[in-house]
Amino acid sequence: MKNMLKELNHGSIGGMIDTIPMALAGECPAQYLEALGEKLVHVHFIDGEPRGHLAWGDGVLDMEQYLTEFDDLGYQGYLSLEITDGRYFMNPSKSVEQSIRRLYSVL
C-alpha cells in the first residue's frame, strides 16, 4: 500500500485498513501507522473470531489495544463500523449500538 500511494502521489488518495485481514495477517495498527503516517485515512473497525465482521465484543480481537495504538500514534482519520455478519440481519441496529457503546466506554 505504501508503494502504491507513493507511486500515485495524489493528495486526494489515501490508505484504508480493515481490522479483520490485518488480524488474519498477524499485523497490528501500529505497523500501518508507522509505514503510512498521515496517508492512512480510513479504518474498518471490526471485531472478529478472527474472521467475520462482528459487533465489538462478539469476537476475540483486542479492539481496545487497537484504539490505544491509533491514539498513541496520532491517527486522525476515520473509523467506520462494517458489521455484516448474517447473525445481525434481523436486527442490525442492535449490533451497531453494541459497538458504539463499547467505543464510547473506552474513550
N, C-alpha and C. Protein backbone atom coordinates (compact mmCIF):
# COMPACT_ATOMS: atom_id res chain seq x y z
N MET A 1 0.83 -1.17 0.00
CA MET A 1 0.00 0.00 0.00
C MET A 1 0.88 1.25 0.00
N LYS A 2 1.95 1.21 0.79
CA LYS A 2 2.85 2.36 0.87
C LYS A 2 3.42 2.68 -0.51
N ASN A 3 3.87 1.67 -1.22
CA ASN A 3 4.43 1.88 -2.57
C ASN A 3 3.38 2.41 -3.54
N MET A 4 2.17 1.86 -3.45
CA MET A 4 1.10 2.31 -4.35
C MET A 4 0.79 3.78 -4.11
N LEU A 5 0.66 4.17 -2.83
CA LEU A 5 0.35 5.57 -2.52
C LEU A 5 1.47 6.50 -2.96
N LYS A 6 2.70 6.03 -2.80
CA LYS A 6 3.85 6.85 -3.24
C LYS A 6 3.84 7.01 -4.75
N GLU A 7 3.55 5.94 -5.46
CA GLU A 7 3.52 5.99 -6.92
C GLU A 7 2.38 6.88 -7.43
N LEU A 8 1.22 6.77 -6.81
CA LEU A 8 0.09 7.60 -7.22
C LEU A 8 0.33 9.07 -6.91
N ASN A 9 0.94 9.34 -5.75
CA ASN A 9 1.29 10.70 -5.37
C ASN A 9 0.17 11.69 -5.63
N HIS A 10 -0.99 11.40 -5.04
CA HIS A 10 -2.16 12.25 -5.23
C HIS A 10 -2.73 12.64 -3.86
N GLY A 11 -2.93 13.90 -3.65
CA GLY A 11 -3.40 14.40 -2.37
C GLY A 11 -4.77 13.93 -1.95
N SER A 12 -5.56 13.44 -2.88
CA SER A 12 -6.92 13.00 -2.55
C SER A 12 -7.04 11.49 -2.38
N ILE A 13 -5.93 10.78 -2.41
CA ILE A 13 -5.97 9.32 -2.29
C ILE A 13 -5.15 8.92 -1.06
N GLY A 14 -5.79 8.12 -0.20
CA GLY A 14 -5.11 7.65 1.00
C GLY A 14 -5.33 6.16 1.18
N GLY A 15 -4.75 5.64 2.24
CA GLY A 15 -4.84 4.22 2.54
C GLY A 15 -5.97 3.90 3.49
N MET A 16 -6.46 2.66 3.41
CA MET A 16 -7.52 2.17 4.27
C MET A 16 -7.13 0.77 4.74
N ILE A 17 -7.38 0.50 6.02
CA ILE A 17 -7.17 -0.86 6.52
C ILE A 17 -8.48 -1.38 7.11
N ASP A 18 -8.57 -2.68 7.17
CA ASP A 18 -9.70 -3.40 7.73
C ASP A 18 -9.11 -4.27 8.83
N THR A 19 -9.63 -4.19 10.04
CA THR A 19 -9.04 -4.92 11.16
C THR A 19 -9.08 -6.44 10.99
N ILE A 20 -10.00 -6.95 10.17
CA ILE A 20 -10.08 -8.41 10.00
C ILE A 20 -8.90 -8.94 9.19
N PRO A 21 -8.66 -8.49 7.95
CA PRO A 21 -7.49 -9.01 7.24
C PRO A 21 -6.18 -8.65 7.94
N MET A 22 -6.17 -7.49 8.61
CA MET A 22 -4.98 -7.10 9.37
C MET A 22 -4.68 -8.16 10.43
N ALA A 23 -5.70 -8.55 11.21
CA ALA A 23 -5.51 -9.56 12.26
C ALA A 23 -5.15 -10.92 11.67
N LEU A 24 -5.81 -11.30 10.57
CA LEU A 24 -5.51 -12.58 9.94
C LEU A 24 -4.07 -12.65 9.44
N ALA A 25 -3.50 -11.49 9.09
CA ALA A 25 -2.11 -11.44 8.63
C ALA A 25 -1.14 -11.33 9.80
N GLY A 26 -1.67 -11.29 11.04
CA GLY A 26 -0.81 -11.19 12.21
C GLY A 26 -0.22 -9.80 12.39
N GLU A 27 -0.91 -8.80 11.86
CA GLU A 27 -0.41 -7.42 11.92
C GLU A 27 -1.22 -6.61 12.92
N CYS A 28 -0.76 -5.38 13.16
CA CYS A 28 -1.43 -4.50 14.11
C CYS A 28 -1.48 -3.09 13.54
N PRO A 29 -2.35 -2.24 14.08
CA PRO A 29 -2.47 -0.87 13.56
C PRO A 29 -1.15 -0.10 13.55
N ALA A 30 -0.34 -0.30 14.58
CA ALA A 30 0.92 0.45 14.66
C ALA A 30 1.79 0.23 13.43
N GLN A 31 1.80 -0.97 12.88
CA GLN A 31 2.61 -1.25 11.69
C GLN A 31 2.15 -0.40 10.50
N TYR A 32 0.85 -0.26 10.34
CA TYR A 32 0.32 0.54 9.24
C TYR A 32 0.56 2.02 9.48
N LEU A 33 0.36 2.45 10.71
CA LEU A 33 0.57 3.86 11.03
C LEU A 33 2.03 4.25 10.86
N GLU A 34 2.94 3.38 11.26
CA GLU A 34 4.36 3.67 11.11
C GLU A 34 4.76 3.70 9.64
N ALA A 35 4.17 2.84 8.83
CA ALA A 35 4.50 2.79 7.40
C ALA A 35 3.85 3.91 6.61
N LEU A 36 2.61 4.25 6.94
CA LEU A 36 1.84 5.18 6.11
C LEU A 36 1.70 6.58 6.70
N GLY A 37 1.82 6.70 8.01
CA GLY A 37 1.65 8.00 8.65
C GLY A 37 0.30 8.61 8.32
N GLU A 38 0.30 9.87 7.92
CA GLU A 38 -0.96 10.57 7.64
C GLU A 38 -1.63 10.10 6.36
N LYS A 39 -0.99 9.25 5.60
CA LYS A 39 -1.62 8.68 4.40
C LYS A 39 -2.66 7.61 4.74
N LEU A 40 -2.64 7.12 5.99
CA LEU A 40 -3.70 6.21 6.45
C LEU A 40 -4.87 7.08 6.86
N VAL A 41 -5.98 6.97 6.13
CA VAL A 41 -7.09 7.89 6.35
C VAL A 41 -8.41 7.21 6.77
N HIS A 42 -8.47 5.88 6.71
CA HIS A 42 -9.75 5.21 6.99
C HIS A 42 -9.48 3.82 7.55
N VAL A 43 -10.26 3.44 8.55
CA VAL A 43 -10.16 2.11 9.15
C VAL A 43 -11.55 1.51 9.26
N HIS A 44 -11.70 0.29 8.74
CA HIS A 44 -12.90 -0.50 9.01
C HIS A 44 -12.63 -1.16 10.36
N PHE A 45 -13.29 -0.68 11.38
CA PHE A 45 -13.04 -1.07 12.77
C PHE A 45 -14.04 -2.15 13.15
N ILE A 46 -13.60 -3.41 13.06
CA ILE A 46 -14.50 -4.55 13.18
C ILE A 46 -13.89 -5.62 14.06
N ASP A 47 -14.71 -6.24 14.88
CA ASP A 47 -14.29 -7.38 15.68
C ASP A 47 -14.45 -8.65 14.85
N GLY A 48 -13.76 -9.71 15.22
CA GLY A 48 -13.85 -10.98 14.51
C GLY A 48 -13.41 -12.13 15.37
N GLU A 49 -13.44 -13.35 14.80
CA GLU A 49 -13.12 -14.58 15.54
C GLU A 49 -11.94 -15.35 14.94
N PRO A 50 -10.91 -14.96 14.36
CA PRO A 50 -10.66 -13.59 13.94
C PRO A 50 -11.35 -13.21 12.64
N ARG A 51 -11.92 -14.20 11.92
CA ARG A 51 -12.68 -13.85 10.72
C ARG A 51 -14.04 -13.29 11.11
N GLY A 52 -14.71 -12.72 10.13
CA GLY A 52 -16.06 -12.22 10.35
C GLY A 52 -16.07 -10.71 10.43
N HIS A 53 -17.23 -10.17 10.39
CA HIS A 53 -17.43 -8.73 10.52
C HIS A 53 -18.44 -8.54 11.65
N LEU A 54 -17.93 -8.61 12.88
CA LEU A 54 -18.78 -8.71 14.05
C LEU A 54 -18.84 -7.41 14.84
N ALA A 55 -19.89 -7.29 15.62
CA ALA A 55 -20.01 -6.18 16.56
C ALA A 55 -18.90 -6.32 17.60
N TRP A 56 -18.44 -5.17 18.09
CA TRP A 56 -17.40 -5.18 19.10
C TRP A 56 -17.89 -5.93 20.33
N GLY A 57 -17.12 -6.94 20.73
CA GLY A 57 -17.48 -7.78 21.87
C GLY A 57 -17.95 -9.16 21.45
N ASP A 58 -18.34 -9.33 20.19
CA ASP A 58 -18.78 -10.64 19.72
C ASP A 58 -17.62 -11.45 19.13
N GLY A 59 -16.46 -10.85 19.03
CA GLY A 59 -15.28 -11.53 18.51
C GLY A 59 -14.18 -11.60 19.56
N VAL A 60 -12.97 -11.87 19.10
CA VAL A 60 -11.83 -12.08 20.00
C VAL A 60 -10.72 -11.05 19.82
N LEU A 61 -10.89 -10.11 18.92
CA LEU A 61 -9.82 -9.15 18.65
C LEU A 61 -9.70 -8.15 19.80
N ASP A 62 -8.49 -7.67 20.02
CA ASP A 62 -8.23 -6.72 21.11
C ASP A 62 -8.49 -5.30 20.61
N MET A 63 -9.76 -4.96 20.51
CA MET A 63 -10.18 -3.68 19.95
C MET A 63 -9.67 -2.50 20.79
N GLU A 64 -9.63 -2.66 22.12
CA GLU A 64 -9.11 -1.59 22.96
C GLU A 64 -7.65 -1.32 22.65
N GLN A 65 -6.88 -2.37 22.46
CA GLN A 65 -5.47 -2.20 22.12
C GLN A 65 -5.33 -1.50 20.77
N TYR A 66 -6.18 -1.85 19.82
CA TYR A 66 -6.14 -1.16 18.53
C TYR A 66 -6.39 0.33 18.71
N LEU A 67 -7.38 0.69 19.52
CA LEU A 67 -7.66 2.11 19.76
C LEU A 67 -6.47 2.80 20.42
N THR A 68 -5.83 2.11 21.35
CA THR A 68 -4.64 2.68 22.01
C THR A 68 -3.55 2.96 20.99
N GLU A 69 -3.32 2.02 20.09
CA GLU A 69 -2.30 2.21 19.06
C GLU A 69 -2.65 3.39 18.15
N PHE A 70 -3.91 3.48 17.74
CA PHE A 70 -4.32 4.62 16.91
C PHE A 70 -4.07 5.93 17.65
N ASP A 71 -4.44 5.96 18.91
CA ASP A 71 -4.28 7.18 19.70
C ASP A 71 -2.81 7.51 19.93
N ASP A 72 -2.03 6.52 20.35
CA ASP A 72 -0.61 6.74 20.64
C ASP A 72 0.17 7.26 19.45
N LEU A 73 -0.24 6.83 18.26
CA LEU A 73 0.49 7.24 17.06
C LEU A 73 -0.19 8.38 16.31
N GLY A 74 -1.18 9.00 16.94
CA GLY A 74 -1.77 10.23 16.41
C GLY A 74 -2.67 10.06 15.20
N TYR A 75 -3.32 8.90 15.08
CA TYR A 75 -4.23 8.70 13.94
C TYR A 75 -5.34 9.73 13.96
N GLN A 76 -5.57 10.39 12.84
CA GLN A 76 -6.58 11.44 12.73
C GLN A 76 -7.67 11.12 11.72
N GLY A 77 -7.63 9.92 11.14
CA GLY A 77 -8.59 9.57 10.09
C GLY A 77 -9.90 9.04 10.65
N TYR A 78 -10.62 8.36 9.79
CA TYR A 78 -11.96 7.86 10.10
C TYR A 78 -11.91 6.42 10.61
N LEU A 79 -12.87 6.10 11.49
CA LEU A 79 -13.15 4.72 11.89
C LEU A 79 -14.59 4.45 11.48
N SER A 80 -14.83 3.39 10.75
CA SER A 80 -16.21 3.04 10.41
C SER A 80 -16.48 1.61 10.83
N LEU A 81 -17.71 1.35 11.18
CA LEU A 81 -18.14 0.01 11.54
C LEU A 81 -18.63 -0.70 10.29
N GLU A 82 -18.15 -1.90 10.08
CA GLU A 82 -18.58 -2.69 8.92
C GLU A 82 -19.09 -4.03 9.46
N ILE A 83 -20.28 -3.99 9.99
CA ILE A 83 -20.85 -5.15 10.68
C ILE A 83 -21.79 -5.86 9.70
N THR A 84 -21.30 -6.92 9.09
CA THR A 84 -22.06 -7.55 8.01
C THR A 84 -22.36 -9.03 8.22
N ASP A 85 -22.03 -9.57 9.38
CA ASP A 85 -22.29 -10.99 9.62
C ASP A 85 -23.79 -11.26 9.58
N GLY A 86 -24.19 -12.37 9.04
CA GLY A 86 -25.59 -12.73 8.88
C GLY A 86 -26.39 -12.78 10.16
N ARG A 87 -25.72 -12.99 11.29
CA ARG A 87 -26.46 -13.07 12.57
C ARG A 87 -27.14 -11.76 12.93
N TYR A 88 -26.75 -10.67 12.27
CA TYR A 88 -27.30 -9.36 12.59
C TYR A 88 -28.39 -8.90 11.62
N PHE A 89 -28.67 -9.67 10.60
CA PHE A 89 -29.59 -9.22 9.56
C PHE A 89 -30.98 -8.88 10.07
N MET A 90 -31.48 -9.62 11.04
CA MET A 90 -32.85 -9.39 11.52
C MET A 90 -32.94 -8.19 12.46
N ASN A 91 -31.82 -7.81 13.06
CA ASN A 91 -31.83 -6.68 13.99
C ASN A 91 -30.48 -5.95 13.89
N PRO A 92 -30.23 -5.29 12.79
CA PRO A 92 -28.91 -4.67 12.58
C PRO A 92 -28.60 -3.54 13.56
N SER A 93 -29.60 -2.84 14.03
CA SER A 93 -29.36 -1.72 14.94
C SER A 93 -28.70 -2.17 16.23
N LYS A 94 -29.06 -3.34 16.73
CA LYS A 94 -28.51 -3.84 17.99
C LYS A 94 -26.98 -3.97 17.91
N SER A 95 -26.46 -4.50 16.80
CA SER A 95 -25.01 -4.69 16.67
C SER A 95 -24.28 -3.35 16.58
N VAL A 96 -24.88 -2.39 15.91
CA VAL A 96 -24.27 -1.06 15.81
C VAL A 96 -24.27 -0.39 17.18
N GLU A 97 -25.40 -0.46 17.88
CA GLU A 97 -25.49 0.13 19.22
C GLU A 97 -24.49 -0.50 20.17
N GLN A 98 -24.32 -1.82 20.09
CA GLN A 98 -23.36 -2.53 20.94
C GLN A 98 -21.96 -2.01 20.68
N SER A 99 -21.58 -1.88 19.43
CA SER A 99 -20.24 -1.40 19.08
C SER A 99 -20.04 0.04 19.52
N ILE A 100 -21.02 0.87 19.33
CA ILE A 100 -20.91 2.27 19.72
C ILE A 100 -20.79 2.41 21.23
N ARG A 101 -21.58 1.62 21.98
CA ARG A 101 -21.46 1.66 23.45
C ARG A 101 -20.06 1.28 23.89
N ARG A 102 -19.50 0.24 23.29
CA ARG A 102 -18.14 -0.20 23.66
C ARG A 102 -17.12 0.88 23.30
N LEU A 103 -17.30 1.48 22.14
CA LEU A 103 -16.37 2.53 21.72
C LEU A 103 -16.39 3.69 22.69
N TYR A 104 -17.56 4.17 23.03
CA TYR A 104 -17.65 5.32 23.94
C TYR A 104 -17.25 4.98 25.37
N SER A 105 -17.32 3.71 25.75
CA SER A 105 -16.93 3.33 27.11
C SER A 105 -15.42 3.41 27.33
N VAL A 106 -14.65 3.37 26.26
CA VAL A 106 -13.19 3.44 26.38
C VAL A 106 -12.62 4.79 26.01
N LEU A 107 -13.45 5.68 25.49
CA LEU A 107 -12.94 7.00 25.10
C LEU A 107 -12.80 7.92 26.30
